[in-house]
Amino acid sequence: MTDAVETVAFRMTLDPGQVEDYRARHDAIWPELVAELRRRGVIDYRIFLDPESHALFAVMTRRVDHDLDSLPRTEVMQRWWAMMGDIMRTNPDQSPVQVDLQPMFVLS
């Protein structure tokens, strides 16, 4: 395990009228999902909403040696996606439609 970290950001889309449901589901995030995210290298994960466009902007800090590529194959991730699929734009495999965001400015 390394101490090196990286920050990535991406956009997802929430269905109109689903803000409270989305917030409530994340307020009650399953401890086993949190543990799996941590185990695979997530250090910090924040999601912000643009209420006008329903865009969700996620910012994640993760270890450079993360193992997030295998997360979609886990049972807990599959269950989470199935639960969230009725309130946001998803792919055929139920994963959220995700658009990577390009870094433009950093003040550190």
PDB file of N, CA and C in Angstrom:
ATOM      1  N   MET A   1       0.844  -1.174   0.000  1.00  0.00           N
ATOM      2  CA  MET A   1       0.000   0.000   0.000  1.00  0.00           C
ATOM      3  C   MET A   1       0.888   1.235   0.000  1.00  0.00           C
ATOM      4  N   THR A   2       0.459   2.235  -0.769  1.00  0.00           N
ATOM      5  CA  THR A   2       1.231   3.465  -0.879  1.00  0.00           C
ATOM      6  C   THR A   2       0.478   4.629  -0.233  1.00  0.00           C
ATOM      7  N   ASP A   3       1.212   5.673   0.097  1.00  0.00           N
ATOM      8  CA  ASP A   3       0.587   6.881   0.639  1.00  0.00           C
ATOM      9  C   ASP A   3       0.204   7.860  -0.468  1.00  0.00           C
ATOM     10  N   ALA A   4       0.601   7.573  -1.713  1.00  0.00           N
ATOM     11  CA  ALA A   4       0.307   8.466  -2.827  1.00  0.00           C
ATOM     12  C   ALA A   4      -1.188   8.448  -3.132  1.00  0.00           C
ATOM     13  N   VAL A   5      -1.737   9.641  -3.344  1.00  0.00           N
ATOM     14  CA  VAL A   5      -3.164   9.760  -3.629  1.00  0.00           C
ATOM     15  C   VAL A   5      -3.383  10.570  -4.900  1.00  0.00           C
ATOM     16  N   GLU A   6      -4.586  10.427  -5.444  1.00  0.00           N
ATOM     17  CA  GLU A   6      -5.002  11.216  -6.598  1.00  0.00           C
ATOM     18  C   GLU A   6      -6.463  11.596  -6.399  1.00  0.00           C
ATOM     19  N   THR A   7      -6.856  12.707  -7.008  1.00  0.00           N
ATOM     20  CA  THR A   7      -8.240  13.143  -6.941  1.00  0.00           C
ATOM     21  C   THR A   7      -8.820  13.088  -8.340  1.00  0.00           C
ATOM     22  N   VAL A   8      -9.997  12.489  -8.441  1.00  0.00           N
ATOM     23  CA  VAL A   8     -10.711  12.405  -9.711  1.00  0.00           C
ATOM     24  C   VAL A   8     -12.104  12.981  -9.510  1.00  0.00           C
ATOM     25  N   ALA A   9     -12.708  13.423 -10.598  1.00  0.00           N
ATOM     26  CA  ALA A   9     -14.055  13.973 -10.525  1.00  0.00           C
ATOM     27  C   ALA A   9     -14.861  13.468 -11.715  1.00  0.00           C
ATOM     28  N   PHE A  10     -16.154  13.315 -11.496  1.00  0.00           N
ATOM     29  CA  PHE A  10     -17.033  12.881 -12.575  1.00  0.00           C
ATOM     30  C   PHE A  10     -18.443  13.408 -12.334  1.00  0.00           C
ATOM     31  N   ARG A  11     -19.243  13.366 -13.401  1.00  0.00           N
ATOM     32  CA  ARG A  11     -20.609  13.859 -13.367  1.00  0.00           C
ATOM     33  C   ARG A  11     -21.565  12.703 -13.599  1.00  0.00           C
ATOM     34  N   MET A  12     -22.665  12.714 -12.856  1.00  0.00           N
ATOM     35  CA  MET A  12     -23.764  11.775 -13.048  1.00  0.00           C
ATOM     36  C   MET A  12     -25.035  12.613 -13.165  1.00  0.00           C
ATOM     37  N   THR A  13     -26.165  11.988 -13.474  1.00  0.00           N
ATOM     38  CA  THR A  13     -27.400  12.737 -13.632  1.00  0.00           C
ATOM     39  C   THR A  13     -28.518  12.130 -12.796  1.00  0.00           C
ATOM     40  N   LEU A  14     -29.101  12.941 -11.950  1.00  0.00           N
ATOM     41  CA  LEU A  14     -30.225  12.546 -11.108  1.00  0.00           C
ATOM     42  C   LEU A  14     -31.518  12.825 -11.864  1.00  0.00           C
ATOM     43  N   ASP A  15     -32.490  11.948 -11.728  1.00  0.00           N
ATOM     44  CA  ASP A  15     -33.795  12.192 -12.340  1.00  0.00           C
ATOM     45  C   ASP A  15     -34.478  13.351 -11.624  1.00  0.00           C
ATOM     46  N   PRO A  16     -35.228  14.180 -12.365  1.00  0.00           N
ATOM     47  CA  PRO A  16     -35.949  15.292 -11.734  1.00  0.00           C
ATOM     48  C   PRO A  16     -36.870  14.784 -10.618  1.00  0.00           C
ATOM     49  N   GLY A  17     -36.939  15.551  -9.534  1.00  0.00           N
ATOM     50  CA  GLY A  17     -37.816  15.226  -8.427  1.00  0.00           C
ATOM     51  C   GLY A  17     -37.283  14.169  -7.473  1.00  0.00           C
ATOM     52  N   GLN A  18     -36.025  13.772  -7.618  1.00  0.00           N
ATOM     53  CA  GLN A  18     -35.474  12.687  -6.816  1.00  0.00           C
ATOM     54  C   GLN A  18     -34.420  13.131  -5.795  1.00  0.00           C
ATOM     55  N   VAL A  19     -34.314  14.429  -5.578  1.00  0.00           N
ATOM     56  CA  VAL A  19     -33.266  14.950  -4.690  1.00  0.00           C
ATOM     57  C   VAL A  19     -33.387  14.367  -3.277  1.00  0.00           C
ATOM     58  N   GLU A  20     -34.562  14.422  -2.711  1.00  0.00           N
ATOM     59  CA  GLU A  20     -34.716  13.954  -1.331  1.00  0.00           C
ATOM     60  C   GLU A  20     -34.473  12.456  -1.208  1.00  0.00           C
ATOM     61  N   ASP A  21     -34.946  11.681  -2.189  1.00  0.00           N
ATOM     62  CA  ASP A  21     -34.702  10.242  -2.180  1.00  0.00           C
ATOM     63  C   ASP A  21     -33.202   9.941  -2.271  1.00  0.00           C
ATOM     64  N   TYR A  22     -32.513  10.660  -3.151  1.00  0.00           N
ATOM     65  CA  TYR A  22     -31.077  10.452  -3.326  1.00  0.00           C
ATOM     66  C   TYR A  22     -30.336  10.756  -2.024  1.00  0.00           C
ATOM     67  N   ARG A  23     -30.685  11.878  -1.420  1.00  0.00           N
ATOM     68  CA  ARG A  23     -30.032  12.273  -0.161  1.00  0.00           C
ATOM     69  C   ARG A  23     -30.320  11.250   0.937  1.00  0.00           C
ATOM     70  N   ALA A  24     -31.568  10.823   1.044  1.00  0.00           N
ATOM     71  CA  ALA A  24     -31.944   9.866   2.094  1.00  0.00           C
ATOM     72  C   ALA A  24     -31.207   8.537   1.917  1.00  0.00           C
ATOM     73  N   ARG A  25     -31.091   8.073   0.696  1.00  0.00           N
ATOM     74  CA  ARG A  25     -30.396   6.807   0.462  1.00  0.00           C
ATOM     75  C   ARG A  25     -28.921   6.921   0.816  1.00  0.00           C
ATOM     76  N   HIS A  26     -28.311   8.056   0.509  1.00  0.00           N
ATOM     77  CA  HIS A  26     -26.902   8.228   0.857  1.00  0.00           C
ATOM     78  C   HIS A  26     -26.703   8.500   2.345  1.00  0.00           C
ATOM     79  N   ASP A  27     -27.670   9.123   2.982  1.00  0.00           N
ATOM     80  CA  ASP A  27     -27.587   9.310   4.438  1.00  0.00           C
ATOM     81  C   ASP A  27     -27.612   7.964   5.156  1.00  0.00           C
ATOM     82  N   ALA A  28     -28.214   6.969   4.501  1.00  0.00           N
ATOM     83  CA  ALA A  28     -28.316   5.627   5.090  1.00  0.00           C
ATOM     84  C   ALA A  28     -27.429   4.628   4.346  1.00  0.00           C
ATOM     85  N   ILE A  29     -26.313   5.112   3.801  1.00  0.00           N
ATOM     86  CA  ILE A  29     -25.424   4.230   3.034  1.00  0.00           C
ATOM     87  C   ILE A  29     -25.054   3.003   3.872  1.00  0.00           C
ATOM     88  N   TRP A  30     -25.024   1.883   3.229  1.00  0.00           N
ATOM     89  CA  TRP A  30     -24.758   0.624   3.924  1.00  0.00           C
ATOM     90  C   TRP A  30     -23.317   0.582   4.440  1.00  0.00           C
ATOM     91  N   PRO A  31     -23.122   0.209   5.675  1.00  0.00           N
ATOM     92  CA  PRO A  31     -21.762   0.117   6.227  1.00  0.00           C
ATOM     93  C   PRO A  31     -20.871  -0.832   5.420  1.00  0.00           C
ATOM     94  N   GLU A  32     -21.435  -1.891   4.870  1.00  0.00           N
ATOM     95  CA  GLU A  32     -20.614  -2.818   4.089  1.00  0.00           C
ATOM     96  C   GLU A  32     -20.148  -2.192   2.771  1.00  0.00           C
ATOM     97  N   LEU A  33     -20.921  -1.253   2.210  1.00  0.00           N
ATOM     98  CA  LEU A  33     -20.469  -0.547   1.012  1.00  0.00           C
ATOM     99  C   LEU A  33     -19.361   0.431   1.371  1.00  0.00           C
ATOM    100  N   VAL A  34     -19.523   1.150   2.464  1.00  0.00           N
ATOM    101  CA  VAL A  34     -18.470   2.066   2.921  1.00  0.00           C
ATOM    102  C   VAL A  34     -17.175   1.286   3.151  1.00  0.00           C
ATOM    103  N   ALA A  35     -17.273   0.145   3.816  1.00  0.00           N
ATOM    104  CA  ALA A  35     -16.086  -0.672   4.091  1.00  0.00           C
ATOM    105  C   ALA A  35     -15.428  -1.128   2.792  1.00  0.00           C
ATOM    106  N   GLU A  36     -16.230  -1.502   1.805  1.00  0.00           N
ATOM    107  CA  GLU A  36     -15.679  -1.961   0.522  1.00  0.00           C
ATOM    108  C   GLU A  36     -14.993  -0.814  -0.216  1.00  0.00           C
ATOM    109  N   LEU A  37     -15.594   0.363  -0.206  1.00  0.00           N
ATOM    110  CA  LEU A  37     -14.965   1.527  -0.834  1.00  0.00           C
ATOM    111  C   LEU A  37     -13.629   1.845  -0.170  1.00  0.00           C
ATOM    112  N   ARG A  38     -13.596   1.828   1.143  1.00  0.00           N
ATOM    113  CA  ARG A  38     -12.355   2.092   1.877  1.00  0.00           C
ATOM    114  C   ARG A  38     -11.303   1.025   1.571  1.00  0.00           C
ATOM    115  N   ARG A  39     -11.743  -0.226   1.579  1.00  0.00           N
ATOM    116  CA  ARG A  39     -10.822  -1.339   1.330  1.00  0.00           C
ATOM    117  C   ARG A  39     -10.191  -1.234  -0.058  1.00  0.00           C
ATOM    118  N   ARG A  40     -10.931  -0.719  -0.993  1.00  0.00           N
ATOM    119  CA  ARG A  40     -10.442  -0.626  -2.373  1.00  0.00           C
ATOM    120  C   ARG A  40      -9.695   0.666  -2.663  1.00  0.00           C
ATOM    121  N   GLY A  41      -9.570   1.561  -1.651  1.00  0.00           N
ATOM    122  CA  GLY A  41      -8.687   2.710  -1.815  1.00  0.00           C
ATOM    123  C   GLY A  41      -9.314   4.080  -1.760  1.00  0.00           C
ATOM    124  N   VAL A  42     -10.617   4.186  -1.503  1.00  0.00           N
ATOM    125  CA  VAL A  42     -11.249   5.504  -1.418  1.00  0.00           C
ATOM    126  C   VAL A  42     -10.918   6.132  -0.074  1.00  0.00           C
ATOM    127  N   ILE A  43     -10.414   7.353  -0.125  1.00  0.00           N
ATOM    128  CA  ILE A  43     -10.063   8.103   1.081  1.00  0.00           C
ATOM    129  C   ILE A  43     -11.149   9.122   1.400  1.00  0.00           C
ATOM    130  N   ASP A  44     -11.632   9.813   0.381  1.00  0.00           N
ATOM    131  CA  ASP A  44     -12.659  10.834   0.546  1.00  0.00           C
ATOM    132  C   ASP A  44     -13.522  10.810  -0.712  1.00  0.00           C
ATOM    133  N   TYR A  45     -14.839  10.939  -0.533  1.00  0.00           N
ATOM    134  CA  TYR A  45     -15.764  10.882  -1.666  1.00  0.00           C
ATOM    135  C   TYR A  45     -16.887  11.865  -1.377  1.00  0.00           C
ATOM    136  N   ARG A  46     -17.038  12.855  -2.230  1.00  0.00           N
ATOM    137  CA  ARG A  46     -18.060  13.886  -2.049  1.00  0.00           C
ATOM    138  C   ARG A  46     -18.884  13.996  -3.322  1.00  0.00           C
ATOM    139  N   ILE A  47     -20.178  14.208  -3.152  1.00  0.00           N
ATOM    140  CA  ILE A  47     -21.072  14.374  -4.299  1.00  0.00           C
ATOM    141  C   ILE A  47     -21.856  15.663  -4.085  1.00  0.00           C
ATOM    142  N   PHE A  48     -21.876  16.505  -5.118  1.00  0.00           N
ATOM    143  CA  PHE A  48     -22.563  17.791  -5.077  1.00  0.00           C
ATOM    144  C   PHE A  48     -23.651  17.803  -6.143  1.00  0.00           C
ATOM    145  N   LEU A  49     -24.733  18.525  -5.884  1.00  0.00           N
ATOM    146  CA  LEU A  49     -25.867  18.610  -6.804  1.00  0.00           C
ATOM    147  C   LEU A  49     -25.977  20.002  -7.402  1.00  0.00           C
ATOM    148  N   ASP A  50     -26.186  20.066  -8.709  1.00  0.00           N
ATOM    149  CA  ASP A  50     -26.614  21.307  -9.364  1.00  0.00           C
ATOM    150  C   ASP A  50     -28.127  21.178  -9.527  1.00  0.00           C
ATOM    151  N   PRO A  51     -28.917  21.869  -8.698  1.00  0.00           N
ATOM    152  CA  PRO A  51     -30.364  21.676  -8.715  1.00  0.00           C
ATOM    153  C   PRO A  51     -31.034  22.122 -10.009  1.00  0.00           C
ATOM    154  N   GLU A  52     -30.391  22.979 -10.766  1.00  0.00           N
ATOM    155  CA  GLU A  52     -30.991  23.424 -12.028  1.00  0.00           C
ATOM    156  C   GLU A  52     -30.889  22.365 -13.118  1.00  0.00           C
ATOM    157  N   SER A  53     -29.764  21.679 -13.188  1.00  0.00           N
ATOM    158  CA  SER A  53     -29.557  20.697 -14.267  1.00  0.00           C
ATOM    159  C   SER A  53     -29.744  19.253 -13.800  1.00  0.00           C
ATOM    160  N   HIS A  54     -29.871  19.039 -12.502  1.00  0.00           N
ATOM    161  CA  HIS A  54     -29.942  17.701 -11.891  1.00  0.00           C
ATOM    162  C   HIS A  54     -28.619  16.950 -12.016  1.00  0.00           C
ATOM    163  N   ALA A  55     -27.547  17.678 -12.320  1.00  0.00           N
ATOM    164  CA  ALA A  55     -26.231  17.049 -12.422  1.00  0.00           C
ATOM    165  C   ALA A  55     -25.659  16.827 -11.028  1.00  0.00           C
ATOM    166  N   LEU A  56     -25.082  15.657 -10.843  1.00  0.00           N
ATOM    167  CA  LEU A  56     -24.364  15.307  -9.625  1.00  0.00           C
ATOM    168  C   LEU A  56     -22.879  15.349  -9.955  1.00  0.00           C
ATOM    169  N   PHE A  57     -22.111  16.104  -9.205  1.00  0.00           N
ATOM    170  CA  PHE A  57     -20.678  16.214  -9.415  1.00  0.00           C
ATOM    171  C   PHE A  57     -19.974  15.505  -8.279  1.00  0.00           C
ATOM    172  N   ALA A  58     -19.235  14.477  -8.603  1.00  0.00           N
ATOM    173  CA  ALA A  58     -18.541  13.680  -7.596  1.00  0.00           C
ATOM    174  C   ALA A  58     -17.053  13.993  -7.629  1.00  0.00           C
ATOM    175  N   VAL A  59     -16.472  14.122  -6.456  1.00  0.00           N
ATOM    176  CA  VAL A  59     -15.037  14.337  -6.300  1.00  0.00           C
ATOM    177  C   VAL A  59     -14.535  13.257  -5.346  1.00  0.00           C
ATOM    178  N   MET A  60     -13.581  12.480  -5.827  1.00  0.00           N
ATOM    179  CA  MET A  60     -13.078  11.348  -5.045  1.00  0.00           C
ATOM    180  C   MET A  60     -11.567  11.430  -4.915  1.00  0.00           C
ATOM    181  N   THR A  61     -11.095  11.296  -3.698  1.00  0.00           N
ATOM    182  CA  THR A  61      -9.672  11.134  -3.452  1.00  0.00           C
ATOM    183  C   THR A  61      -9.450   9.663  -3.155  1.00  0.00           C
ATOM    184  N   ARG A  62      -8.490   9.098  -3.858  1.00  0.00           N
ATOM    185  CA  ARG A  62      -8.231   7.659  -3.722  1.00  0.00           C
ATOM    186  C   ARG A  62      -6.735   7.413  -3.751  1.00  0.00           C
ATOM    187  N   ARG A  63      -6.348   6.263  -3.204  1.00  0.00           N
ATOM    188  CA  ARG A  63      -4.944   5.864  -3.295  1.00  0.00           C
ATOM    189  C   ARG A  63      -4.595   5.638  -4.767  1.00  0.00           C
ATOM    190  N   VAL A  64      -3.395   5.958  -5.145  1.00  0.00           N
ATOM    191  CA  VAL A  64      -2.951   5.715  -6.516  1.00  0.00           C
ATOM    192  C   VAL A  64      -2.983   4.221  -6.827  1.00  0.00           C
ATOM    193  N   ASP A  65      -2.711   3.392  -5.827  1.00  0.00           N
ATOM    194  CA  ASP A  65      -2.727   1.939  -6.029  1.00  0.00           C
ATOM    195  C   ASP A  65      -4.104   1.336  -5.705  1.00  0.00           C
ATOM    196  N   HIS A  66      -5.168   2.096  -5.964  1.00  0.00           N
ATOM    197  CA  HIS A  66      -6.538   1.656  -5.658  1.00  0.00           C
ATOM    198  C   HIS A  66      -6.914   0.398  -6.455  1.00  0.00           C
ATOM    199  N   ASP A  67      -7.977  -0.232  -6.001  1.00  0.00           N
ATOM    200  CA  ASP A  67      -8.521  -1.414  -6.674  1.00  0.00           C
ATOM    201  C   ASP A  67      -9.996  -1.180  -7.008  1.00  0.00           C
ATOM    202  N   LEU A  68     -10.332   0.022  -7.437  1.00  0.00           N
ATOM    203  CA  LEU A  68     -11.726   0.335  -7.732  1.00  0.00           C
ATOM    204  C   LEU A  68     -12.223  -0.303  -9.024  1.00  0.00           C
ATOM    205  N   ASP A  69     -11.315  -0.708  -9.892  1.00  0.00           N
ATOM    206  CA  ASP A  69     -11.737  -1.327 -11.154  1.00  0.00           C
ATOM    207  C   ASP A  69     -12.493  -2.629 -10.938  1.00  0.00           C
ATOM    208  N   SER A  70     -12.231  -3.310  -9.838  1.00  0.00           N
ATOM    209  CA  SER A  70     -12.931  -4.568  -9.568  1.00  0.00           C
ATOM    210  C   SER A  70     -14.198  -4.373  -8.728  1.00  0.00           C
ATOM    211  N   LEU A  71     -14.437  -3.169  -8.245  1.00  0.00           N
ATOM    212  CA  LEU A  71     -15.608  -2.899  -7.409  1.00  0.00           C
ATOM    213  C   LEU A  71     -16.933  -3.245  -8.093  1.00  0.00           C
ATOM    214  N   PRO A  72     -17.117  -2.959  -9.381  1.00  0.00           N
ATOM    215  CA  PRO A  72     -18.399  -3.288 -10.022  1.00  0.00           C
ATOM    216  C   PRO A  72     -18.761  -4.775  -9.982  1.00  0.00           C
ATOM    217  N   ARG A  73     -17.805  -5.634  -9.790  1.00  0.00           N
ATOM    218  CA  ARG A  73     -18.082  -7.072  -9.755  1.00  0.00           C
ATOM    219  C   ARG A  73     -18.491  -7.561  -8.363  1.00  0.00           C
ATOM    220  N   THR A  74     -18.473  -6.675  -7.373  1.00  0.00           N
ATOM    221  CA  THR A  74     -18.835  -7.105  -6.022  1.00  0.00           C
ATOM    222  C   THR A  74     -20.350  -7.125  -5.846  1.00  0.00           C
ATOM    223  N   GLU A  75     -20.802  -7.989  -4.987  1.00  0.00           N
ATOM    224  CA  GLU A  75     -22.233  -8.135  -4.719  1.00  0.00           C
ATOM    225  C   GLU A  75     -22.821  -6.860  -4.113  1.00  0.00           C
ATOM    226  N   VAL A  76     -22.099  -6.219  -3.205  1.00  0.00           N
ATOM    227  CA  VAL A  76     -22.626  -5.028  -2.553  1.00  0.00           C
ATOM    228  C   VAL A  76     -22.778  -3.877  -3.543  1.00  0.00           C
ATOM    229  N   MET A  77     -21.851  -3.734  -4.493  1.00  0.00           N
ATOM    230  CA  MET A  77     -21.971  -2.673  -5.492  1.00  0.00           C
ATOM    231  C   MET A  77     -23.137  -2.948  -6.422  1.00  0.00           C
ATOM    232  N   GLN A  78     -23.312  -4.197  -6.807  1.00  0.00           N
ATOM    233  CA  GLN A  78     -24.440  -4.574  -7.660  1.00  0.00           C
ATOM    234  C   GLN A  78     -25.772  -4.267  -6.966  1.00  0.00           C
ATOM    235  N   ARG A  79     -25.880  -4.559  -5.670  1.00  0.00           N
ATOM    236  CA  ARG A  79     -27.104  -4.261  -4.917  1.00  0.00           C
ATOM    237  C   ARG A  79     -27.344  -2.757  -4.826  1.00  0.00           C
ATOM    238  N   TRP A  80     -26.270  -1.988  -4.598  1.00  0.00           N
ATOM    239  CA  TRP A  80     -26.406  -0.527  -4.492  1.00  0.00           C
ATOM    240  C   TRP A  80     -26.904   0.051  -5.810  1.00  0.00           C
ATOM    241  N   TRP A  81     -26.280  -0.365  -6.896  1.00  0.00           N
ATOM    242  CA  TRP A  81     -26.718   0.134  -8.203  1.00  0.00           C
ATOM    243  C   TRP A  81     -28.170  -0.224  -8.481  1.00  0.00           C
ATOM    244  N   ALA A  82     -28.580  -1.429  -8.140  1.00  0.00           N
ATOM    245  CA  ALA A  82     -29.966  -1.849  -8.355  1.00  0.00           C
ATOM    246  C   ALA A  82     -30.919  -0.955  -7.556  1.00  0.00           C
ATOM    247  N   MET A  83     -30.522  -0.602  -6.330  1.00  0.00           N
ATOM    248  CA  MET A  83     -31.367   0.246  -5.501  1.00  0.00           C
ATOM    249  C   MET A  83     -31.426   1.675  -6.036  1.00  0.00           C
ATOM    250  N   MET A  84     -30.332   2.180  -6.574  1.00  0.00           N
ATOM    251  CA  MET A  84     -30.262   3.566  -7.026  1.00  0.00           C
ATOM    252  C   MET A  84     -30.783   3.764  -8.451  1.00  0.00           C
ATOM    253  N   GLY A  85     -30.920   2.690  -9.203  1.00  0.00           N
ATOM    254  CA  GLY A  85     -31.255   2.787 -10.618  1.00  0.00           C
ATOM    255  C   GLY A  85     -32.582   3.430 -10.946  1.00  0.00           C
ATOM    256  N   ASP A  86     -33.500   3.467  -9.993  1.00  0.00           N
ATOM    257  CA  ASP A  86     -34.809   4.043 -10.292  1.00  0.00           C
ATOM    258  C   ASP A  86     -34.847   5.558 -10.139  1.00  0.00           C
ATOM    259  N   ILE A  87     -33.747   6.186  -9.697  1.00  0.00           N
ATOM    260  CA  ILE A  87     -33.771   7.640  -9.485  1.00  0.00           C
ATOM    261  C   ILE A  87     -32.663   8.381 -10.234  1.00  0.00           C
ATOM    262  N   MET A  88     -31.890   7.668 -11.047  1.00  0.00           N
ATOM    263  CA  MET A  88     -30.825   8.348 -11.782  1.00  0.00           C
ATOM    264  C   MET A  88     -30.561   7.659 -13.110  1.00  0.00           C
ATOM    265  N   ARG A  89     -29.887   8.361 -13.998  1.00  0.00           N
ATOM    266  CA  ARG A  89     -29.558   7.816 -15.310  1.00  0.00           C
ATOM    267  C   ARG A  89     -28.532   6.697 -15.137  1.00  0.00           C
ATOM    268  N   THR A  90     -28.815   5.534 -15.737  1.00  0.00           N
ATOM    269  CA  THR A  90     -27.930   4.374 -15.599  1.00  0.00           C
ATOM    270  C   THR A  90     -27.648   3.727 -16.944  1.00  0.00           C
ATOM    271  N   ASN A  91     -26.596   2.927 -16.951  1.00  0.00           N
ATOM    272  CA  ASN A  91     -26.215   2.099 -18.090  1.00  0.00           C
ATOM    273  C   ASN A  91     -27.017   0.796 -18.045  1.00  0.00           C
ATOM    274  N   PRO A  92     -26.956  -0.011 -19.114  1.00  0.00           N
ATOM    275  CA  PRO A  92     -27.665  -1.291 -19.108  1.00  0.00           C
ATOM    276  C   PRO A  92     -27.285  -2.216 -17.948  1.00  0.00           C
ATOM    277  N   ASP A  93     -26.057  -2.106 -17.427  1.00  0.00           N
ATOM    278  CA  ASP A  93     -25.639  -2.952 -16.297  1.00  0.00           C
ATOM    279  C   ASP A  93     -26.029  -2.350 -14.943  1.00  0.00           C
ATOM    280  N   GLN A  94     -26.830  -1.296 -14.955  1.00  0.00           N
ATOM    281  CA  GLN A  94     -27.323  -0.567 -13.785  1.00  0.00           C
ATOM    282  C   GLN A  94     -26.298   0.371 -13.159  1.00  0.00           C
ATOM    283  N   SER A  95     -25.074   0.429 -13.660  1.00  0.00           N
ATOM    284  CA  SER A  95     -24.103   1.394 -13.142  1.00  0.00           C
ATOM    285  C   SER A  95     -24.544   2.799 -13.557  1.00  0.00           C
ATOM    286  N   PRO A  96     -24.227   3.807 -12.757  1.00  0.00           N
ATOM    287  CA  PRO A  96     -24.595   5.173 -13.134  1.00  0.00           C
ATOM    288  C   PRO A  96     -23.861   5.603 -14.402  1.00  0.00           C
ATOM    289  N   VAL A  97     -24.566   6.324 -15.256  1.00  0.00           N
ATOM    290  CA  VAL A  97     -23.892   6.948 -16.396  1.00  0.00           C
ATOM    291  C   VAL A  97     -22.961   7.985 -15.798  1.00  0.00           C
ATOM    292  N   GLN A  98     -21.697   7.880 -16.120  1.00  0.00           N
ATOM    293  CA  GLN A  98     -20.663   8.693 -15.503  1.00  0.00           C
ATOM    294  C   GLN A  98     -19.805   9.337 -16.583  1.00  0.00           C
ATOM    295  N   VAL A  99     -19.585  10.638 -16.478  1.00  0.00           N
ATOM    296  CA  VAL A  99     -18.727  11.368 -17.404  1.00  0.00           C
ATOM    297  C   VAL A  99     -17.557  11.912 -16.603  1.00  0.00           C
ATOM    298  N   ASP A 100     -16.343  11.509 -16.971  1.00  0.00           N
ATOM    299  CA  ASP A 100     -15.153  12.006 -16.277  1.00  0.00           C
ATOM    300  C   ASP A 100     -15.008  13.502 -16.522  1.00  0.00           C
ATOM    301  N   LEU A 101     -14.626  14.225 -15.478  1.00  0.00           N
ATOM    302  CA  LEU A 101     -14.378  15.657 -15.580  1.00  0.00           C
ATOM    303  C   LEU A 101     -12.879  15.899 -15.638  1.00  0.00           C
ATOM    304  N   GLN A 102     -12.489  16.877 -16.431  1.00  0.00           N
ATOM    305  CA  GLN A 102     -11.080  17.183 -16.615  1.00  0.00           C
ATOM    306  C   GLN A 102     -10.654  18.282 -15.646  1.00  0.00           C
ATOM    307  N   PRO A 103      -9.534  18.099 -14.949  1.00  0.00           N
ATOM    308  CA  PRO A 103      -9.062  19.145 -14.037  1.00  0.00           C
ATOM    309  C   PRO A 103      -8.685  20.412 -14.832  1.00  0.00           C
ATOM    310  N   MET A 104      -9.113  21.557 -14.321  1.00  0.00           N
ATOM    311  CA  MET A 104      -8.833  22.815 -14.987  1.00  0.00           C
ATOM    312  C   MET A 104      -8.052  23.785 -14.100  1.00  0.00           C
ATOM    313  N   PHE A 105      -8.179  23.653 -12.781  1.00  0.00           N
ATOM    314  CA  PHE A 105      -7.506  24.563 -11.870  1.00  0.00           C
ATOM    315  C   PHE A 105      -7.414  23.911 -10.505  1.00  0.00           C
ATOM    316  N   VAL A 106      -6.282  24.083  -9.871  1.00  0.00           N
ATOM    317  CA  VAL A 106      -6.090  23.569  -8.516  1.00  0.00           C
ATOM    318  C   VAL A 106      -5.375  24.648  -7.701  1.00  0.00           C
ATOM    319  N   LEU A 107      -5.904  24.940  -6.542  1.00  0.00           N
ATOM    320  CA  LEU A 107      -5.248  25.842  -5.602  1.00  0.00           C
ATOM    321  C   LEU A 107      -4.885  24.993  -4.398  1.00  0.00           C
ATOM    322  N   SER A 108      -3.601  24.843  -4.165  1.00  0.00           N
ATOM    323  CA  SER A 108      -3.193  24.015  -3.016  1.00  0.00           C
ATOM    324  C   SER A 108      -2.126  24.713  -2.215  1.00  0.00           C
TER     325      SER A 108
END
